[in-house]
Structures are given as structure tokens and as C-alpha cells.
Amino acid sequence: MTKKWRSKTLQEYINILRDLERDEIRSKEYGSILILAIMEEVGEIARAYLAEHGRKPSNLRAQEDETYIHELGDLLVSIMKLAIYKNINLDHRIEYTIKKITRRKHHPKV
């Protein structure tokens, strides 16, 4: 019998990452490494997206390895790792930002 796969919540993914990164998070350089990883992923997303949409000469080999869809997942994981490291509750941050966007949408600055 095969186990049925289900999506996990954001908190479940964070808990998995917290467990996986338990040893690395103690490193003095961990925060700096995370910031660099986030910047790298943003660059990879931009490169892949621009190549796919004809704004950059194609590198077919890179496109096979790096689609902006795949790279977006890498970026999200890097952001979750930084949130773990800095003890930031992403659920609260997302809720705050959604409320801010909603408020701006309904009450734009003139």
C-alpha cells in the first residue's frame, strides 16, 4: 500500500528545516551564508526568467537545470532558513504583509 502524499503547512516545512539545519545553525557564519544564498537564488530566478521570456540570450543547459519555478522553491527555503535563524514567525509576517497590502488596496495614498 502506498502512502498518500499531502501538502504540508508552512510550519511543518519550517520544523523539517529546523531539524535538518540543527548543527549548521550554530555556526558563526550561518547568517551570512543565508543572506548570500538568498541573493544567489534571486539571481538564478532572474536569469532563468529572463532567458525564458527572451530578454536574455538563451543558455539551454542552464535552462534545463534552472527554471525560475524551481529556483523560486530554493528561494523560499532559504528565506525559511533565515527566519528560523533569526527566530522570525513567518506566519505572523505573512499575515501582517497581507493586511498591509489589503489596507493599501482599499485606502490608497493620494
PDB file of N, CA and C in Angstrom:
ATOM      1  N   MET A   1       0.838  -1.177   0.000  1.00  0.00           N
ATOM      2  CA  MET A   1       0.000   0.000   0.000  1.00  0.00           C
ATOM      3  C   MET A   1       0.881   1.237   0.000  1.00  0.00           C
ATOM      4  N   THR A   2       0.578   2.179  -0.889  1.00  0.00           N
ATOM      5  CA  THR A   2       1.383   3.393  -0.964  1.00  0.00           C
ATOM      6  C   THR A   2       0.838   4.439  -0.026  1.00  0.00           C
ATOM      7  N   LYS A   3       1.752   5.197   0.517  1.00  0.00           N
ATOM      8  CA  LYS A   3       1.366   6.276   1.424  1.00  0.00           C
ATOM      9  C   LYS A   3       0.875   7.465   0.599  1.00  0.00           C
ATOM     10  N   LYS A   4      -0.266   8.000   0.968  1.00  0.00           N
ATOM     11  CA  LYS A   4      -0.819   9.141   0.244  1.00  0.00           C
ATOM     12  C   LYS A   4      -0.065  10.400   0.660  1.00  0.00           C
ATOM     13  N   TRP A   5       0.382  11.125  -0.344  1.00  0.00           N
ATOM     14  CA  TRP A   5       1.119  12.361  -0.110  1.00  0.00           C
ATOM     15  C   TRP A   5       0.155  13.503   0.119  1.00  0.00           C
ATOM     16  N   ARG A   6       0.473  14.364   1.047  1.00  0.00           N
ATOM     17  CA  ARG A   6      -0.326  15.567   1.265  1.00  0.00           C
ATOM     18  C   ARG A   6       0.612  16.755   1.436  1.00  0.00           C
ATOM     19  N   SER A   7       0.091  17.890   1.087  1.00  0.00           N
ATOM     20  CA  SER A   7       0.870  19.109   1.271  1.00  0.00           C
ATOM     21  C   SER A   7       1.057  19.372   2.756  1.00  0.00           C
ATOM     22  N   LYS A   8       2.176  19.976   3.071  1.00  0.00           N
ATOM     23  CA  LYS A   8       2.454  20.331   4.456  1.00  0.00           C
ATOM     24  C   LYS A   8       2.166  21.812   4.660  1.00  0.00           C
ATOM     25  N   THR A   9       1.978  22.185   5.891  1.00  0.00           N
ATOM     26  CA  THR A   9       1.810  23.598   6.210  1.00  0.00           C
ATOM     27  C   THR A   9       3.183  24.257   6.230  1.00  0.00           C
ATOM     28  N   LEU A  10       3.180  25.571   6.189  1.00  0.00           N
ATOM     29  CA  LEU A  10       4.434  26.315   6.276  1.00  0.00           C
ATOM     30  C   LEU A  10       5.187  25.929   7.544  1.00  0.00           C
ATOM     31  N   GLN A  11       4.475  25.824   8.651  1.00  0.00           N
ATOM     32  CA  GLN A  11       5.126  25.487   9.916  1.00  0.00           C
ATOM     33  C   GLN A  11       5.729  24.079   9.885  1.00  0.00           C
ATOM     34  N   GLU A  12       5.082  23.142   9.216  1.00  0.00           N
ATOM     35  CA  GLU A  12       5.644  21.794   9.105  1.00  0.00           C
ATOM     36  C   GLU A  12       6.950  21.814   8.321  1.00  0.00           C
ATOM     37  N   TYR A  13       7.000  22.584   7.238  1.00  0.00           N
ATOM     38  CA  TYR A  13       8.248  22.708   6.476  1.00  0.00           C
ATOM     39  C   TYR A  13       9.333  23.370   7.324  1.00  0.00           C
ATOM     40  N   ILE A  14       8.964  24.381   8.070  1.00  0.00           N
ATOM     41  CA  ILE A  14       9.934  25.058   8.933  1.00  0.00           C
ATOM     42  C   ILE A  14      10.480  24.092   9.973  1.00  0.00           C
ATOM     43  N   ASN A  15       9.624  23.270  10.554  1.00  0.00           N
ATOM     44  CA  ASN A  15      10.077  22.288  11.536  1.00  0.00           C
ATOM     45  C   ASN A  15      11.045  21.283  10.914  1.00  0.00           C
ATOM     46  N   ILE A  16      10.771  20.857   9.698  1.00  0.00           N
ATOM     47  CA  ILE A  16      11.677  19.935   8.995  1.00  0.00           C
ATOM     48  C   ILE A  16      13.031  20.601   8.787  1.00  0.00           C
ATOM     49  N   LEU A  17      13.010  21.841   8.299  1.00  0.00           N
ATOM     50  CA  LEU A  17      14.268  22.566   8.071  1.00  0.00           C
ATOM     51  C   LEU A  17      15.019  22.810   9.366  1.00  0.00           C
ATOM     52  N   ARG A  18      14.300  23.154  10.427  1.00  0.00           N
ATOM     53  CA  ARG A  18      14.945  23.387  11.728  1.00  0.00           C
ATOM     54  C   ARG A  18      15.712  22.131  12.164  1.00  0.00           C
ATOM     55  N   ASP A  19      15.102  20.980  11.958  1.00  0.00           N
ATOM     56  CA  ASP A  19      15.750  19.720  12.316  1.00  0.00           C
ATOM     57  C   ASP A  19      16.959  19.450  11.417  1.00  0.00           C
ATOM     58  N   LEU A  20      16.801  19.694  10.120  1.00  0.00           N
ATOM     59  CA  LEU A  20      17.900  19.442   9.176  1.00  0.00           C
ATOM     60  C   LEU A  20      19.084  20.375   9.400  1.00  0.00           C
ATOM     61  N   GLU A  21      18.820  21.594   9.829  1.00  0.00           N
ATOM     62  CA  GLU A  21      19.859  22.611   9.968  1.00  0.00           C
ATOM     63  C   GLU A  21      20.385  22.748  11.405  1.00  0.00           C
ATOM     64  N   ARG A  22      19.979  21.838  12.271  1.00  0.00           N
ATOM     65  CA  ARG A  22      20.302  21.943  13.697  1.00  0.00           C
ATOM     66  C   ARG A  22      21.789  22.200  13.958  1.00  0.00           C
ATOM     67  N   ASP A  23      22.667  21.489  13.283  1.00  0.00           N
ATOM     68  CA  ASP A  23      24.099  21.656  13.526  1.00  0.00           C
ATOM     69  C   ASP A  23      24.655  22.912  12.858  1.00  0.00           C
ATOM     70  N   GLU A  24      24.225  23.173  11.615  1.00  0.00           N
ATOM     71  CA  GLU A  24      24.748  24.314  10.871  1.00  0.00           C
ATOM     72  C   GLU A  24      24.375  25.647  11.507  1.00  0.00           C
ATOM     73  N   ILE A  25      23.212  25.712  12.122  1.00  0.00           N
ATOM     74  CA  ILE A  25      22.699  26.977  12.652  1.00  0.00           C
ATOM     75  C   ILE A  25      23.596  27.520  13.775  1.00  0.00           C
ATOM     76  N   ARG A  26      24.384  26.687  14.361  1.00  0.00           N
ATOM     77  CA  ARG A  26      25.285  27.110  15.448  1.00  0.00           C
ATOM     78  C   ARG A  26      26.527  27.818  14.934  1.00  0.00           C
ATOM     79  N   SER A  27      26.783  27.692  13.631  1.00  0.00           N
ATOM     80  CA  SER A  27      27.960  28.307  13.038  1.00  0.00           C
ATOM     81  C   SER A  27      27.868  29.825  13.098  1.00  0.00           C
ATOM     82  N   LYS A  28      28.985  30.458  13.382  1.00  0.00           N
ATOM     83  CA  LYS A  28      29.046  31.914  13.449  1.00  0.00           C
ATOM     84  C   LYS A  28      28.740  32.551  12.090  1.00  0.00           C
ATOM     85  N   GLU A  29      29.047  31.850  11.019  1.00  0.00           N
ATOM     86  CA  GLU A  29      28.863  32.377   9.668  1.00  0.00           C
ATOM     87  C   GLU A  29      27.507  32.028   9.057  1.00  0.00           C
ATOM     88  N   TYR A  30      26.668  31.306   9.764  1.00  0.00           N
ATOM     89  CA  TYR A  30      25.413  30.805   9.195  1.00  0.00           C
ATOM     90  C   TYR A  30      24.536  31.924   8.634  1.00  0.00           C
ATOM     91  N   GLY A  31      24.358  33.003   9.362  1.00  0.00           N
ATOM     92  CA  GLY A  31      23.529  34.118   8.899  1.00  0.00           C
ATOM     93  C   GLY A  31      24.059  34.724   7.613  1.00  0.00           C
ATOM     94  N   SER A  32      25.364  34.928   7.544  1.00  0.00           N
ATOM     95  CA  SER A  32      25.970  35.481   6.328  1.00  0.00           C
ATOM     96  C   SER A  32      25.797  34.536   5.149  1.00  0.00           C
ATOM     97  N   ILE A  33      25.941  33.257   5.393  1.00  0.00           N
ATOM     98  CA  ILE A  33      25.758  32.255   4.337  1.00  0.00           C
ATOM     99  C   ILE A  33      24.317  32.291   3.824  1.00  0.00           C
ATOM    100  N   LEU A  34      23.362  32.446   4.735  1.00  0.00           N
ATOM    101  CA  LEU A  34      21.959  32.503   4.334  1.00  0.00           C
ATOM    102  C   LEU A  34      21.670  33.727   3.470  1.00  0.00           C
ATOM    103  N   ILE A  35      22.200  34.869   3.854  1.00  0.00           N
ATOM    104  CA  ILE A  35      21.991  36.085   3.061  1.00  0.00           C
ATOM    105  C   ILE A  35      22.571  35.896   1.662  1.00  0.00           C
ATOM    106  N   LEU A  36      23.757  35.336   1.575  1.00  0.00           N
ATOM    107  CA  LEU A  36      24.364  35.085   0.265  1.00  0.00           C
ATOM    108  C   LEU A  36      23.553  34.077  -0.541  1.00  0.00           C
ATOM    109  N   ALA A  37      23.013  33.061   0.116  1.00  0.00           N
ATOM    110  CA  ALA A  37      22.186  32.062  -0.578  1.00  0.00           C
ATOM    111  C   ALA A  37      20.926  32.707  -1.137  1.00  0.00           C
ATOM    112  N   ILE A  38      20.310  33.601  -0.364  1.00  0.00           N
ATOM    113  CA  ILE A  38      19.112  34.297  -0.833  1.00  0.00           C
ATOM    114  C   ILE A  38      19.443  35.144  -2.059  1.00  0.00           C
ATOM    115  N   MET A  39      20.539  35.870  -2.012  1.00  0.00           N
ATOM    116  CA  MET A  39      20.939  36.695  -3.155  1.00  0.00           C
ATOM    117  C   MET A  39      21.236  35.828  -4.380  1.00  0.00           C
ATOM    118  N   GLU A  40      21.889  34.701  -4.170  1.00  0.00           N
ATOM    119  CA  GLU A  40      22.184  33.788  -5.272  1.00  0.00           C
ATOM    120  C   GLU A  40      20.896  33.275  -5.909  1.00  0.00           C
ATOM    121  N   GLU A  41      19.944  32.885  -5.091  1.00  0.00           N
ATOM    122  CA  GLU A  41      18.674  32.354  -5.613  1.00  0.00           C
ATOM    123  C   GLU A  41      17.901  33.420  -6.380  1.00  0.00           C
ATOM    124  N   VAL A  42      17.905  34.654  -5.886  1.00  0.00           N
ATOM    125  CA  VAL A  42      17.233  35.740  -6.602  1.00  0.00           C
ATOM    126  C   VAL A  42      17.884  35.927  -7.970  1.00  0.00           C
ATOM    127  N   GLY A  43      19.200  35.881  -8.023  1.00  0.00           N
ATOM    128  CA  GLY A  43      19.910  35.997  -9.303  1.00  0.00           C
ATOM    129  C   GLY A  43      19.569  34.860 -10.251  1.00  0.00           C
ATOM    130  N   GLU A  44      19.479  33.648  -9.727  1.00  0.00           N
ATOM    131  CA  GLU A  44      19.140  32.494 -10.562  1.00  0.00           C
ATOM    132  C   GLU A  44      17.706  32.595 -11.087  1.00  0.00           C
ATOM    133  N   ILE A  45      16.790  33.070 -10.249  1.00  0.00           N
ATOM    134  CA  ILE A  45      15.409  33.267 -10.693  1.00  0.00           C
ATOM    135  C   ILE A  45      15.374  34.292 -11.823  1.00  0.00           C
ATOM    136  N   ALA A  46      16.064  35.402 -11.630  1.00  0.00           N
ATOM    137  CA  ALA A  46      16.072  36.460 -12.649  1.00  0.00           C
ATOM    138  C   ALA A  46      16.664  35.947 -13.952  1.00  0.00           C
ATOM    139  N   ARG A  47      17.793  35.260 -13.880  1.00  0.00           N
ATOM    140  CA  ARG A  47      18.454  34.746 -15.086  1.00  0.00           C
ATOM    141  C   ARG A  47      17.541  33.776 -15.826  1.00  0.00           C
ATOM    142  N   ALA A  48      16.947  32.843 -15.105  1.00  0.00           N
ATOM    143  CA  ALA A  48      16.085  31.840 -15.731  1.00  0.00           C
ATOM    144  C   ALA A  48      14.826  32.479 -16.313  1.00  0.00           C
ATOM    145  N   TYR A  49      14.224  33.395 -15.585  1.00  0.00           N
ATOM    146  CA  TYR A  49      13.004  34.048 -16.053  1.00  0.00           C
ATOM    147  C   TYR A  49      13.276  34.869 -17.308  1.00  0.00           C
ATOM    148  N   LEU A  50      14.340  35.657 -17.272  1.00  0.00           N
ATOM    149  CA  LEU A  50      14.671  36.494 -18.425  1.00  0.00           C
ATOM    150  C   LEU A  50      15.044  35.658 -19.645  1.00  0.00           C
ATOM    151  N   ALA A  51      15.732  34.556 -19.434  1.00  0.00           N
ATOM    152  CA  ALA A  51      16.074  33.677 -20.557  1.00  0.00           C
ATOM    153  C   ALA A  51      14.812  33.074 -21.161  1.00  0.00           C
ATOM    154  N   GLU A  52      13.903  32.636 -20.321  1.00  0.00           N
ATOM    155  CA  GLU A  52      12.669  32.013 -20.806  1.00  0.00           C
ATOM    156  C   GLU A  52      11.798  33.005 -21.568  1.00  0.00           C
ATOM    157  N   HIS A  53      11.847  34.264 -21.171  1.00  0.00           N
ATOM    158  CA  HIS A  53      10.990  35.268 -21.790  1.00  0.00           C
ATOM    159  C   HIS A  53      11.725  36.118 -22.833  1.00  0.00           C
ATOM    160  N   GLY A  54      12.855  35.615 -23.318  1.00  0.00           N
ATOM    161  CA  GLY A  54      13.532  36.233 -24.439  1.00  0.00           C
ATOM    162  C   GLY A  54      14.243  37.533 -24.162  1.00  0.00           C
ATOM    163  N   ARG A  55      14.484  37.843 -22.923  1.00  0.00           N
ATOM    164  CA  ARG A  55      15.153  39.103 -22.583  1.00  0.00           C
ATOM    165  C   ARG A  55      16.649  38.915 -22.366  1.00  0.00           C
ATOM    166  N   LYS A  56      17.086  37.699 -22.493  1.00  0.00           N
ATOM    167  CA  LYS A  56      18.495  37.386 -22.266  1.00  0.00           C
ATOM    168  C   LYS A  56      18.853  36.263 -23.222  1.00  0.00           C
ATOM    169  N   PRO A  57      20.052  36.300 -23.786  1.00  0.00           N
ATOM    170  CA  PRO A  57      20.433  35.195 -24.668  1.00  0.00           C
ATOM    171  C   PRO A  57      20.271  33.853 -23.963  1.00  0.00           C
ATOM    172  N   SER A  58      19.800  32.896 -24.694  1.00  0.00           N
ATOM    173  CA  SER A  58      19.496  31.590 -24.113  1.00  0.00           C
ATOM    174  C   SER A  58      20.757  30.804 -23.787  1.00  0.00           C
ATOM    175  N   ASN A  59      20.722  30.207 -22.656  1.00  0.00           N
ATOM    176  CA  ASN A  59      21.711  29.228 -22.257  1.00  0.00           C
ATOM    177  C   ASN A  59      20.905  27.970 -21.988  1.00  0.00           C
ATOM    178  N   LEU A  60      20.773  27.130 -23.010  1.00  0.00           N
ATOM    179  CA  LEU A  60      19.877  25.983 -22.912  1.00  0.00           C
ATOM    180  C   LEU A  60      20.261  25.041 -21.779  1.00  0.00           C
ATOM    181  N   ARG A  61      21.544  24.863 -21.559  1.00  0.00           N
ATOM    182  CA  ARG A  61      21.974  23.974 -20.472  1.00  0.00           C
ATOM    183  C   ARG A  61      21.533  24.519 -19.112  1.00  0.00           C
ATOM    184  N   ALA A  62      21.692  25.827 -18.924  1.00  0.00           N
ATOM    185  CA  ALA A  62      21.268  26.438 -17.660  1.00  0.00           C
ATOM    186  C   ALA A  62      19.758  26.346 -17.515  1.00  0.00           C
ATOM    187  N   GLN A  63      19.028  26.504 -18.606  1.00  0.00           N
ATOM    188  CA  GLN A  63      17.571  26.432 -18.529  1.00  0.00           C
ATOM    189  C   GLN A  63      17.099  25.045 -18.130  1.00  0.00           C
ATOM    190  N   GLU A  64      17.852  24.020 -18.505  1.00  0.00           N
ATOM    191  CA  GLU A  64      17.482  22.662 -18.094  1.00  0.00           C
ATOM    192  C   GLU A  64      17.605  22.500 -16.588  1.00  0.00           C
ATOM    193  N   ASP A  65      18.632  23.119 -16.011  1.00  0.00           N
ATOM    194  CA  ASP A  65      18.887  22.991 -14.575  1.00  0.00           C
ATOM    195  C   ASP A  65      18.139  24.028 -13.748  1.00  0.00           C
ATOM    196  N   GLU A  66      17.938  25.204 -14.308  1.00  0.00           N
ATOM    197  CA  GLU A  66      17.399  26.318 -13.546  1.00  0.00           C
ATOM    198  C   GLU A  66      16.178  26.896 -14.244  1.00  0.00           C
ATOM    199  N   THR A  67      15.025  26.510 -13.821  1.00  0.00           N
ATOM    200  CA  THR A  67      13.840  27.232 -14.265  1.00  0.00           C
ATOM    201  C   THR A  67      13.452  28.133 -13.107  1.00  0.00           C
ATOM    202  N   TYR A  68      12.857  29.254 -13.422  1.00  0.00           N
ATOM    203  CA  TYR A  68      12.518  30.171 -12.331  1.00  0.00           C
ATOM    204  C   TYR A  68      11.518  29.530 -11.377  1.00  0.00           C
ATOM    205  N   ILE A  69      10.744  28.567 -11.851  1.00  0.00           N
ATOM    206  CA  ILE A  69       9.803  27.873 -10.975  1.00  0.00           C
ATOM    207  C   ILE A  69      10.553  27.052  -9.927  1.00  0.00           C
ATOM    208  N   HIS A  70      11.590  26.313 -10.368  1.00  0.00           N
ATOM    209  CA  HIS A  70      12.392  25.534  -9.419  1.00  0.00           C
ATOM    210  C   HIS A  70      13.154  26.450  -8.475  1.00  0.00           C
ATOM    211  N   GLU A  71      13.718  27.516  -9.037  1.00  0.00           N
ATOM    212  CA  GLU A  71      14.525  28.419  -8.225  1.00  0.00           C
ATOM    213  C   GLU A  71      13.691  29.147  -7.180  1.00  0.00           C
ATOM    214  N   LEU A  72      12.433  29.379  -7.472  1.00  0.00           N
ATOM    215  CA  LEU A  72      11.556  30.017  -6.504  1.00  0.00           C
ATOM    216  C   LEU A  72      11.424  29.163  -5.242  1.00  0.00           C
ATOM    217  N   GLY A  73      11.344  27.850  -5.428  1.00  0.00           N
ATOM    218  CA  GLY A  73      11.316  26.943  -4.276  1.00  0.00           C
ATOM    219  C   GLY A  73      12.590  27.044  -3.457  1.00  0.00           C
ATOM    220  N   ASP A  74      13.743  27.124  -4.150  1.00  0.00           N
ATOM    221  CA  ASP A  74      15.015  27.270  -3.443  1.00  0.00           C
ATOM    222  C   ASP A  74      15.046  28.571  -2.644  1.00  0.00           C
ATOM    223  N   LEU A  75      14.518  29.638  -3.241  1.00  0.00           N
ATOM    224  CA  LEU A  75      14.487  30.923  -2.549  1.00  0.00           C
ATOM    225  C   LEU A  75      13.609  30.857  -1.298  1.00  0.00           C
ATOM    226  N   LEU A  76      12.452  30.239  -1.430  1.00  0.00           N
ATOM    227  CA  LEU A  76      11.560  30.123  -0.271  1.00  0.00           C
ATOM    228  C   LEU A  76      12.212  29.344   0.865  1.00  0.00           C
ATOM    229  N   VAL A  77      12.907  28.282   0.532  1.00  0.00           N
ATOM    230  CA  VAL A  77      13.586  27.500   1.570  1.00  0.00           C
ATOM    231  C   VAL A  77      14.682  28.342   2.227  1.00  0.00           C
ATOM    232  N   SER A  78      15.424  29.107   1.439  1.00  0.00           N
ATOM    233  CA  SER A  78      16.460  29.972   2.013  1.00  0.00           C
ATOM    234  C   SER A  78      15.844  31.016   2.944  1.00  0.00           C
ATOM    235  N   ILE A  79      14.708  31.568   2.559  1.00  0.00           N
ATOM    236  CA  ILE A  79      14.023  32.541   3.418  1.00  0.00           C
ATOM    237  C   ILE A  79      13.543  31.873   4.707  1.00  0.00           C
ATOM    238  N   MET A  80      13.016  30.665   4.613  1.00  0.00           N
ATOM    239  CA  MET A  80      12.578  29.958   5.818  1.00  0.00           C
ATOM    240  C   MET A  80      13.761  29.677   6.741  1.00  0.00           C
ATOM    241  N   LYS A  81      14.916  29.335   6.170  1.00  0.00           N
ATOM    242  CA  LYS A  81      16.098  29.094   6.996  1.00  0.00           C
ATOM    243  C   LYS A  81      16.514  30.361   7.740  1.00  0.00           C
ATOM    244  N   LEU A  82      16.451  31.509   7.049  1.00  0.00           N
ATOM    245  CA  LEU A  82      16.795  32.770   7.702  1.00  0.00           C
ATOM    246  C   LEU A  82      15.800  33.083   8.818  1.00  0.00           C
ATOM    247  N   ALA A  83      14.528  32.817   8.583  1.00  0.00           N
ATOM    248  CA  ALA A  83      13.508  33.045   9.616  1.00  0.00           C
ATOM    249  C   ALA A  83      13.777  32.169  10.838  1.00  0.00           C
ATOM    250  N   ILE A  84      14.160  30.926  10.606  1.00  0.00           N
ATOM    251  CA  ILE A  84      14.500  30.028  11.721  1.00  0.00           C
ATOM    252  C   ILE A  84      15.680  30.605  12.495  1.00  0.00           C
ATOM    253  N   TYR A  85      16.720  30.991  11.766  1.00  0.00           N
ATOM    254  CA  TYR A  85      17.942  31.503  12.380  1.00  0.00           C
ATOM    255  C   TYR A  85      17.671  32.752  13.218  1.00  0.00           C
ATOM    256  N   LYS A  86      16.810  33.644  12.706  1.00  0.00           N
ATOM    257  CA  LYS A  86      16.530  34.897  13.400  1.00  0.00           C
ATOM    258  C   LYS A  86      15.278  34.814  14.273  1.00  0.00           C
ATOM    259  N   ASN A  87      14.711  33.606  14.403  1.00  0.00           N
ATOM    260  CA  ASN A  87      13.527  33.386  15.235  1.00  0.00           C
ATOM    261  C   ASN A  87      12.364  34.310  14.841  1.00  0.00           C
ATOM    262  N   ILE A  88      12.081  34.324  13.537  1.00  0.00           N
ATOM    263  CA  ILE A  88      11.000  35.137  12.990  1.00  0.00           C
ATOM    264  C   ILE A  88       9.838  34.212  12.652  1.00  0.00           C
ATOM    265  N   ASN A  89       8.663  34.555  13.127  1.00  0.00           N
ATOM    266  CA  ASN A  89       7.475  33.769  12.839  1.00  0.00           C
ATOM    267  C   ASN A  89       6.937  34.195  11.468  1.00  0.00           C
ATOM    268  N   LEU A  90       7.149  33.358  10.455  1.00  0.00           N
ATOM    269  CA  LEU A  90       6.734  33.705   9.104  1.00  0.00           C
ATOM    270  C   LEU A  90       5.223  33.778   8.951  1.00  0.00           C
ATOM    271  N   ASP A  91       4.491  32.967   9.675  1.00  0.00           N
ATOM    272  CA  ASP A  91       3.029  33.069   9.621  1.00  0.00           C
ATOM    273  C   ASP A  91       2.586  34.480  10.014  1.00  0.00           C
ATOM    274  N   HIS A  92       3.162  35.013  11.085  1.00  0.00           N
ATOM    275  CA  HIS A  92       2.816  36.359  11.529  1.00  0.00           C
ATOM    276  C   HIS A  92       3.252  37.414  10.514  1.00  0.00           C
ATOM    277  N   ARG A  93       4.436  37.226   9.950  1.00  0.00           N
ATOM    278  CA  ARG A  93       4.948  38.200   8.975  1.00  0.00           C
ATOM    279  C   ARG A  93       4.089  38.204   7.713  1.00  0.00           C
ATOM    280  N   ILE A  94       3.679  37.022   7.255  1.00  0.00           N
ATOM    281  CA  ILE A  94       2.834  36.930   6.062  1.00  0.00           C
ATOM    282  C   ILE A  94       1.480  37.572   6.342  1.00  0.00           C
ATOM    283  N   GLU A  95       0.903  37.281   7.500  1.00  0.00           N
ATOM    284  CA  GLU A  95      -0.388  37.866   7.868  1.00  0.00           C
ATOM    285  C   GLU A  95      -0.297  39.390   7.906  1.00  0.00           C
ATOM    286  N   TYR A  96       0.766  39.903   8.516  1.00  0.00           N
ATOM    287  CA  TYR A  96       0.975  41.348   8.592  1.00  0.00           C
ATOM    288  C   TYR A  96       1.054  41.962   7.196  1.00  0.00           C
ATOM    289  N   THR A  97       1.817  41.333   6.320  1.00  0.00           N
ATOM    290  CA  THR A  97       2.005  41.877   4.980  1.00  0.00           C
ATOM    291  C   THR A  97       0.723  41.807   4.156  1.00  0.00           C
ATOM    292  N   ILE A  98      -0.035  40.725   4.282  1.00  0.00           N
ATOM    293  CA  ILE A  98      -1.314  40.626   3.577  1.00  0.00           C
ATOM    294  C   ILE A  98      -2.265  41.727   4.048  1.00  0.00           C
ATOM    295  N   LYS A  99      -2.302  41.970   5.352  1.00  0.00           N
ATOM    296  CA  LYS A  99      -3.143  43.050   5.881  1.00  0.00           C
ATOM    297  C   LYS A  99      -2.691  44.407   5.335  1.00  0.00           C
ATOM    298  N   LYS A 100      -1.380  44.606   5.256  1.00  0.00           N
ATOM    299  CA  LYS A 100      -0.843  45.861   4.742  1.00  0.00           C
ATOM    300  C   LYS A 100      -1.226  46.048   3.270  1.00  0.00           C
ATOM    301  N   ILE A 101      -1.106  45.005   2.475  1.00  0.00           N
ATOM    302  CA  ILE A 101      -1.480  45.077   1.057  1.00  0.00           C
ATOM    303  C   ILE A 101      -2.976  45.358   0.919  1.00  0.00           C
ATOM    304  N   THR A 102      -3.780  44.678   1.722  1.00  0.00           N
ATOM    305  CA  THR A 102      -5.235  44.878   1.687  1.00  0.00           C
ATOM    306  C   THR A 102      -5.583  46.313   2.051  1.00  0.00           C
ATOM    307  N   ARG A 103      -4.956  46.821   3.095  1.00  0.00           N
ATOM    308  CA  ARG A 103      -5.210  48.196   3.541  1.00  0.00           C
ATOM    309  C   ARG A 103      -4.842  49.189   2.431  1.00  0.00           C
ATOM    310  N   ARG A 104      -3.707  48.987   1.794  1.00  0.00           N
ATOM    311  CA  ARG A 104      -3.280  49.879   0.714  1.00  0.00           C
ATOM    312  C   ARG A 104      -4.220  49.794  -0.487  1.00  0.00           C
ATOM    313  N   LYS A 105      -4.711  48.600  -0.753  1.00  0.00           N
ATOM    314  CA  LYS A 105      -5.630  48.400  -1.884  1.00  0.00           C
ATOM    315  C   LYS A 105      -6.935  49.156  -1.657  1.00  0.00           C
ATOM    316  N   HIS A 106      -7.444  49.109  -0.434  1.00  0.00           N
ATOM    317  CA  HIS A 106      -8.719  49.737  -0.115  1.00  0.00           C
ATOM    318  C   HIS A 106      -8.593  51.223   0.261  1.00  0.00           C
ATOM    319  N   HIS A 107      -7.408  51.619   0.675  1.00  0.00           N
ATOM    320  CA  HIS A 107      -7.185  53.009   1.095  1.00  0.00           C
ATOM    321  C   HIS A 107      -5.861  53.512   0.506  1.00  0.00           C
ATOM    322  N   PRO A 108      -5.817  53.673  -0.807  1.00  0.00           N
ATOM    323  CA  PRO A 108      -4.550  54.109  -1.430  1.00  0.00           C
ATOM    324  C   PRO A 108      -4.172  55.529  -1.013  1.00  0.00           C
ATOM    325  N   LYS A 109      -2.885  55.773  -0.954  1.00  0.00           N
ATOM    326  CA  LYS A 109      -2.401  57.118  -0.668  1.00  0.00           C
ATOM    327  C   LYS A 109      -2.642  57.981  -1.894  1.00  0.00           C
ATOM    328  N   VAL A 110      -3.045  59.188  -1.650  1.00  0.00           N
ATOM    329  CA  VAL A 110      -3.369  60.086  -2.763  1.00  0.00           C
ATOM    330  C   VAL A 110      -2.199  60.946  -3.104  1.00  0.00           C
TER     331      VAL A 110
END
